[in-house]
Amino acid sequence: MCNNSVKIVLEIANNKHNIKAYEFPANVTDEGKIELPNAILQQLANNQKVKVIILVNESTEEEQ
């Protein structure tokens, strides 16, 4: 698994929403699944719905 560097990058708590955004490195497995660090999994309840934003480094023309 990736390095265990997990950061909370956003926290919103008011009478309508309680939201936390986490930032961490992850890998896509050969099966096409994203591996989540254990530190994140411990923060999530089973069957909890989450929103996912995926940021990828685009390769430059020089790298292709």
PDB file of N, CA and C in Angstrom:
ATOM      1  N   MET A   1       0.840  -1.185   0.000  1.00  0.00           N
ATOM      2  CA  MET A   1       0.000   0.000   0.000  1.00  0.00           C
ATOM      3  C   MET A   1       0.871   1.229   0.000  1.00  0.00           C
ATOM      4  N   CYS A   2       0.282   2.356  -0.322  1.00  0.00           N
ATOM      5  CA  CYS A   2       0.979   3.639  -0.400  1.00  0.00           C
ATOM      6  C   CYS A   2       1.430   4.098   0.972  1.00  0.00           C
ATOM      7  N   ASN A   3       2.160   5.185   0.955  1.00  0.00           N
ATOM      8  CA  ASN A   3       2.599   5.782   2.209  1.00  0.00           C
ATOM      9  C   ASN A   3       1.372   6.204   3.016  1.00  0.00           C
ATOM     10  N   ASN A   4       1.505   6.237   4.330  1.00  0.00           N
ATOM     11  CA  ASN A   4       0.367   6.471   5.214  1.00  0.00           C
ATOM     12  C   ASN A   4       0.090   7.936   5.479  1.00  0.00           C
ATOM     13  N   SER A   5       0.444   8.814   4.579  1.00  0.00           N
ATOM     14  CA  SER A   5       0.255  10.239   4.766  1.00  0.00           C
ATOM     15  C   SER A   5      -1.188  10.618   4.447  1.00  0.00           C
ATOM     16  N   VAL A   6      -2.011  10.734   5.497  1.00  0.00           N
ATOM     17  CA  VAL A   6      -3.412  11.090   5.350  1.00  0.00           C
ATOM     18  C   VAL A   6      -3.614  12.444   6.007  1.00  0.00           C
ATOM     19  N   LYS A   7      -4.220  13.384   5.267  1.00  0.00           N
ATOM     20  CA  LYS A   7      -4.484  14.712   5.802  1.00  0.00           C
ATOM     21  C   LYS A   7      -5.971  15.012   5.690  1.00  0.00           C
ATOM     22  N   ILE A   8      -6.526  15.659   6.711  1.00  0.00           N
ATOM     23  CA  ILE A   8      -7.870  16.228   6.583  1.00  0.00           C
ATOM     24  C   ILE A   8      -7.674  17.591   5.940  1.00  0.00           C
ATOM     25  N   VAL A   9      -8.248  17.804   4.761  1.00  0.00           N
ATOM     26  CA  VAL A   9      -8.040  19.044   4.034  1.00  0.00           C
ATOM     27  C   VAL A   9      -9.250  19.974   4.091  1.00  0.00           C
ATOM     28  N   LEU A  10     -10.377  19.482   4.601  1.00  0.00           N
ATOM     29  CA  LEU A  10     -11.571  20.311   4.697  1.00  0.00           C
ATOM     30  C   LEU A  10     -12.480  19.732   5.766  1.00  0.00           C
ATOM     31  N   GLU A  11     -13.011  20.589   6.605  1.00  0.00           N
ATOM     32  CA  GLU A  11     -13.976  20.156   7.601  1.00  0.00           C
ATOM     33  C   GLU A  11     -15.087  21.193   7.653  1.00  0.00           C
ATOM     34  N   ILE A  12     -16.328  20.757   7.431  1.00  0.00           N
ATOM     35  CA  ILE A  12     -17.488  21.637   7.486  1.00  0.00           C
ATOM     36  C   ILE A  12     -18.478  21.020   8.471  1.00  0.00           C
ATOM     37  N   ALA A  13     -18.878  21.800   9.443  1.00  0.00           N
ATOM     38  CA  ALA A  13     -19.885  21.324  10.395  1.00  0.00           C
ATOM     39  C   ALA A  13     -20.844  22.469  10.677  1.00  0.00           C
ATOM     40  N   ASN A  14     -22.086  22.278  10.260  1.00  0.00           N
ATOM     41  CA  ASN A  14     -23.132  23.239  10.582  1.00  0.00           C
ATOM     42  C   ASN A  14     -24.433  22.473  10.751  1.00  0.00           C
ATOM     43  N   ASN A  15     -25.549  23.181  10.847  1.00  0.00           N
ATOM     44  CA  ASN A  15     -26.803  22.479  11.108  1.00  0.00           C
ATOM     45  C   ASN A  15     -27.312  21.669   9.919  1.00  0.00           C
ATOM     46  N   LYS A  16     -26.738  21.846   8.723  1.00  0.00           N
ATOM     47  CA  LYS A  16     -27.171  21.081   7.548  1.00  0.00           C
ATOM     48  C   LYS A  16     -26.176  19.998   7.129  1.00  0.00           C
ATOM     49  N   HIS A  17     -24.893  20.232   7.349  1.00  0.00           N
ATOM     50  CA  HIS A  17     -23.875  19.312   6.827  1.00  0.00           C
ATOM     51  C   HIS A  17     -22.762  19.069   7.848  1.00  0.00           C
ATOM     52  N   ASN A  18     -22.287  17.868   7.866  1.00  0.00           N
ATOM     53  CA  ASN A  18     -21.043  17.516   8.538  1.00  0.00           C
ATOM     54  C   ASN A  18     -20.189  16.831   7.489  1.00  0.00           C
ATOM     55  N   ILE A  19     -19.165  17.519   7.020  1.00  0.00           N
ATOM     56  CA  ILE A  19     -18.366  17.016   5.908  1.00  0.00           C
ATOM     57  C   ILE A  19     -16.883  17.069   6.266  1.00  0.00           C
ATOM     58  N   LYS A  20     -16.165  16.006   5.944  1.00  0.00           N
ATOM     59  CA  LYS A  20     -14.706  15.986   6.040  1.00  0.00           C
ATOM     60  C   LYS A  20     -14.170  15.540   4.693  1.00  0.00           C
ATOM     61  N   ALA A  21     -13.113  16.187   4.242  1.00  0.00           N
ATOM     62  CA  ALA A  21     -12.427  15.781   3.016  1.00  0.00           C
ATOM     63  C   ALA A  21     -11.028  15.327   3.407  1.00  0.00           C
ATOM     64  N   TYR A  22     -10.622  14.183   2.916  1.00  0.00           N
ATOM     65  CA  TYR A  22      -9.305  13.621   3.212  1.00  0.00           C
ATOM     66  C   TYR A  22      -8.456  13.635   1.950  1.00  0.00           C
ATOM     67  N   GLU A  23      -7.170  13.838   2.125  1.00  0.00           N
ATOM     68  CA  GLU A  23      -6.222  13.749   1.013  1.00  0.00           C
ATOM     69  C   GLU A  23      -5.187  12.697   1.357  1.00  0.00           C
ATOM     70  N   PHE A  24      -4.954  11.794   0.401  1.00  0.00           N
ATOM     71  CA  PHE A  24      -3.979  10.723   0.610  1.00  0.00           C
ATOM     72  C   PHE A  24      -3.588  10.135  -0.736  1.00  0.00           C
ATOM     73  N   PRO A  25      -2.381   9.583  -0.828  1.00  0.00           N
ATOM     74  CA  PRO A  25      -1.996   8.889  -2.062  1.00  0.00           C
ATOM     75  C   PRO A  25      -2.667   7.514  -2.104  1.00  0.00           C
ATOM     76  N   ALA A  26      -2.983   7.042  -3.298  1.00  0.00           N
ATOM     77  CA  ALA A  26      -3.616   5.734  -3.451  1.00  0.00           C
ATOM     78  C   ALA A  26      -3.137   5.092  -4.745  1.00  0.00           C
ATOM     79  N   ASN A  27      -3.350   3.800  -4.844  1.00  0.00           N
ATOM     80  CA  ASN A  27      -2.997   3.045  -6.045  1.00  0.00           C
ATOM     81  C   ASN A  27      -4.240   2.395  -6.632  1.00  0.00           C
ATOM     82  N   VAL A  28      -4.251   2.237  -7.942  1.00  0.00           N
ATOM     83  CA  VAL A  28      -5.276   1.439  -8.610  1.00  0.00           C
ATOM     84  C   VAL A  28      -4.675   0.058  -8.808  1.00  0.00           C
ATOM     85  N   THR A  29      -5.373  -0.970  -8.340  1.00  0.00           N
ATOM     86  CA  THR A  29      -4.867  -2.338  -8.430  1.00  0.00           C
ATOM     87  C   THR A  29      -4.999  -2.870  -9.858  1.00  0.00           C
ATOM     88  N   ASP A  30      -4.410  -4.019 -10.102  1.00  0.00           N
ATOM     89  CA  ASP A  30      -4.536  -4.680 -11.410  1.00  0.00           C
ATOM     90  C   ASP A  30      -5.998  -5.012 -11.727  1.00  0.00           C
ATOM     91  N   GLU A  31      -6.821  -5.147 -10.676  1.00  0.00           N
ATOM     92  CA  GLU A  31      -8.245  -5.442 -10.857  1.00  0.00           C
ATOM     93  C   GLU A  31      -9.063  -4.166 -11.074  1.00  0.00           C
ATOM     94  N   GLY A  32      -8.402  -2.996 -11.062  1.00  0.00           N
ATOM     95  CA  GLY A  32      -9.097  -1.732 -11.286  1.00  0.00           C
ATOM     96  C   GLY A  32      -9.752  -1.149 -10.052  1.00  0.00           C
ATOM     97  N   LYS A  33      -9.343  -1.581  -8.868  1.00  0.00           N
ATOM     98  CA  LYS A  33      -9.907  -1.071  -7.619  1.00  0.00           C
ATOM     99  C   LYS A  33      -8.917  -0.098  -6.975  1.00  0.00           C
ATOM    100  N   ILE A  34      -9.462   0.895  -6.294  1.00  0.00           N
ATOM    101  CA  ILE A  34      -8.619   1.867  -5.593  1.00  0.00           C
ATOM    102  C   ILE A  34      -8.400   1.376  -4.170  1.00  0.00           C
ATOM    103  N   GLU A  35      -7.137   1.289  -3.767  1.00  0.00           N
ATOM    104  CA  GLU A  35      -6.793   0.879  -2.407  1.00  0.00           C
ATOM    105  C   GLU A  35      -6.847   2.098  -1.494  1.00  0.00           C
ATOM    106  N   LEU A  36      -7.611   1.985  -0.403  1.00  0.00           N
ATOM    107  CA  LEU A  36      -7.683   3.055   0.582  1.00  0.00           C
ATOM    108  C   LEU A  36      -6.793   2.728   1.771  1.00  0.00           C
ATOM    109  N   PRO A  37      -6.102   3.721   2.317  1.00  0.00           N
ATOM    110  CA  PRO A  37      -5.277   3.470   3.507  1.00  0.00           C
ATOM    111  C   PRO A  37      -6.153   3.044   4.690  1.00  0.00           C
ATOM    112  N   ASN A  38      -5.602   2.213   5.560  1.00  0.00           N
ATOM    113  CA  ASN A  38      -6.341   1.757   6.745  1.00  0.00           C
ATOM    114  C   ASN A  38      -6.808   2.926   7.597  1.00  0.00           C
ATOM    115  N   ALA A  39      -6.018   4.000   7.669  1.00  0.00           N
ATOM    116  CA  ALA A  39      -6.402   5.173   8.462  1.00  0.00           C
ATOM    117  C   ALA A  39      -7.719   5.768   7.965  1.00  0.00           C
ATOM    118  N   ILE A  40      -7.970   5.701   6.671  1.00  0.00           N
ATOM    119  CA  ILE A  40      -9.237   6.189   6.117  1.00  0.00           C
ATOM    120  C   ILE A  40     -10.350   5.183   6.394  1.00  0.00           C
ATOM    121  N   LEU A  41     -10.087   3.915   6.155  1.00  0.00           N
ATOM    122  CA  LEU A  41     -11.107   2.881   6.370  1.00  0.00           C
ATOM    123  C   LEU A  41     -11.626   2.887   7.801  1.00  0.00           C
ATOM    124  N   GLN A  42     -10.757   3.186   8.751  1.00  0.00           N
ATOM    125  CA  GLN A  42     -11.166   3.227  10.159  1.00  0.00           C
ATOM    126  C   GLN A  42     -12.107   4.398  10.445  1.00  0.00           C
ATOM    127  N   GLN A  43     -12.119   5.419   9.594  1.00  0.00           N
ATOM    128  CA  GLN A  43     -12.987   6.584   9.775  1.00  0.00           C
ATOM    129  C   GLN A  43     -14.370   6.393   9.153  1.00  0.00           C
ATOM    130  N   LEU A  44     -14.545   5.347   8.356  1.00  0.00           N
ATOM    131  CA  LEU A  44     -15.786   5.142   7.613  1.00  0.00           C
ATOM    132  C   LEU A  44     -16.612   4.014   8.221  1.00  0.00           C
ATOM    133  N   ALA A  45     -17.906   4.249   8.300  1.00  0.00           N
ATOM    134  CA  ALA A  45     -18.819   3.198   8.757  1.00  0.00           C
ATOM    135  C   ALA A  45     -19.077   2.235   7.599  1.00  0.00           C
ATOM    136  N   ASN A  46     -19.337   0.983   7.906  1.00  0.00           N
ATOM    137  CA  ASN A  46     -19.689   0.015   6.866  1.00  0.00           C
ATOM    138  C   ASN A  46     -20.913   0.502   6.110  1.00  0.00           C
ATOM    139  N   ASN A  47     -20.904   0.334   4.811  1.00  0.00           N
ATOM    140  CA  ASN A  47     -22.001   0.729   3.923  1.00  0.00           C
ATOM    141  C   ASN A  47     -22.267   2.229   3.894  1.00  0.00           C
ATOM    142  N   GLN A  48     -21.315   3.036   4.378  1.00  0.00           N
ATOM    143  CA  GLN A  48     -21.471   4.494   4.332  1.00  0.00           C
ATOM    144  C   GLN A  48     -21.297   4.979   2.903  1.00  0.00           C
ATOM    145  N   LYS A  49     -22.160   5.893   2.467  1.00  0.00           N
ATOM    146  CA  LYS A  49     -22.015   6.484   1.138  1.00  0.00           C
ATOM    147  C   LYS A  49     -20.990   7.602   1.219  1.00  0.00           C
ATOM    148  N   VAL A  50     -20.133   7.684   0.209  1.00  0.00           N
ATOM    149  CA  VAL A  50     -19.105   8.720   0.145  1.00  0.00           C
ATOM    150  C   VAL A  50     -19.105   9.339  -1.244  1.00  0.00           C
ATOM    151  N   LYS A  51     -18.590  10.556  -1.347  1.00  0.00           N
ATOM    152  CA  LYS A  51     -18.362  11.188  -2.642  1.00  0.00           C
ATOM    153  C   LYS A  51     -16.874  11.087  -2.921  1.00  0.00           C
ATOM    154  N   VAL A  52     -16.518  10.787  -4.157  1.00  0.00           N
ATOM    155  CA  VAL A  52     -15.124  10.570  -4.517  1.00  0.00           C
ATOM    156  C   VAL A  52     -14.726  11.540  -5.618  1.00  0.00           C
ATOM    157  N   ILE A  53     -13.598  12.199  -5.426  1.00  0.00           N
ATOM    158  CA  ILE A  53     -12.980  13.014  -6.468  1.00  0.00           C
ATOM    159  C   ILE A  53     -11.607  12.412  -6.706  1.00  0.00           C
ATOM    160  N   ILE A  54     -11.302  12.094  -7.949  1.00  0.00           N
ATOM    161  CA  ILE A  54     -10.011  11.478  -8.272  1.00  0.00           C
ATOM    162  C   ILE A  54      -9.165  12.474  -9.047  1.00  0.00           C
ATOM    163  N   LEU A  55      -7.989  12.760  -8.528  1.00  0.00           N
ATOM    164  CA  LEU A  55      -7.035  13.642  -9.190  1.00  0.00           C
ATOM    165  C   LEU A  55      -5.882  12.793  -9.690  1.00  0.00           C
ATOM    166  N   VAL A  56      -5.553  12.905 -10.960  1.00  0.00           N
ATOM    167  CA  VAL A  56      -4.445  12.144 -11.533  1.00  0.00           C
ATOM    168  C   VAL A  56      -3.453  13.107 -12.166  1.00  0.00           C
ATOM    169  N   ASN A  57      -2.194  12.724 -12.133  1.00  0.00           N
ATOM    170  CA  ASN A  57      -1.175  13.490 -12.838  1.00  0.00           C
ATOM    171  C   ASN A  57      -1.230  13.108 -14.305  1.00  0.00           C
ATOM    172  N   GLU A  58      -1.502  14.075 -15.155  1.00  0.00           N
ATOM    173  CA  GLU A  58      -1.500  13.839 -16.596  1.00  0.00           C
ATOM    174  C   GLU A  58      -0.057  13.762 -17.076  1.00  0.00           C
ATOM    175  N   SER A  59       0.224  12.849 -17.979  1.00  0.00           N
ATOM    176  CA  SER A  59       1.581  12.779 -18.513  1.00  0.00           C
ATOM    177  C   SER A  59       1.763  13.917 -19.519  1.00  0.00           C
ATOM    178  N   THR A  60       2.972  14.454 -19.545  1.00  0.00           N
ATOM    179  CA  THR A  60       3.270  15.524 -20.488  1.00  0.00           C
ATOM    180  C   THR A  60       3.723  14.902 -21.807  1.00  0.00           C
ATOM    181  N   GLU A  61       3.812  15.701 -22.857  1.00  0.00           N
ATOM    182  CA  GLU A  61       4.266  15.194 -24.160  1.00  0.00           C
ATOM    183  C   GLU A  61       5.651  14.585 -24.039  1.00  0.00           C
ATOM    184  N   GLU A  62       6.507  15.154 -23.184  1.00  0.00           N
ATOM    185  CA  GLU A  62       7.863  14.650 -23.023  1.00  0.00           C
ATOM    186  C   GLU A  62       7.869  13.254 -22.415  1.00  0.00           C
ATOM    187  N   GLU A  63       6.884  12.941 -21.525  1.00  0.00           N
ATOM    188  CA  GLU A  63       6.831  11.636 -20.873  1.00  0.00           C
ATOM    189  C   GLU A  63       6.262  10.556 -21.785  1.00  0.00           C
ATOM    190  N   GLN A  64       5.522  10.940 -22.850  1.00  0.00           N
ATOM    191  CA  GLN A  64       4.887   9.959 -23.724  1.00  0.00           C
ATOM    192  C   GLN A  64       5.802   9.417 -24.722  1.00  0.00           C
TER     193      GLN A  64
END
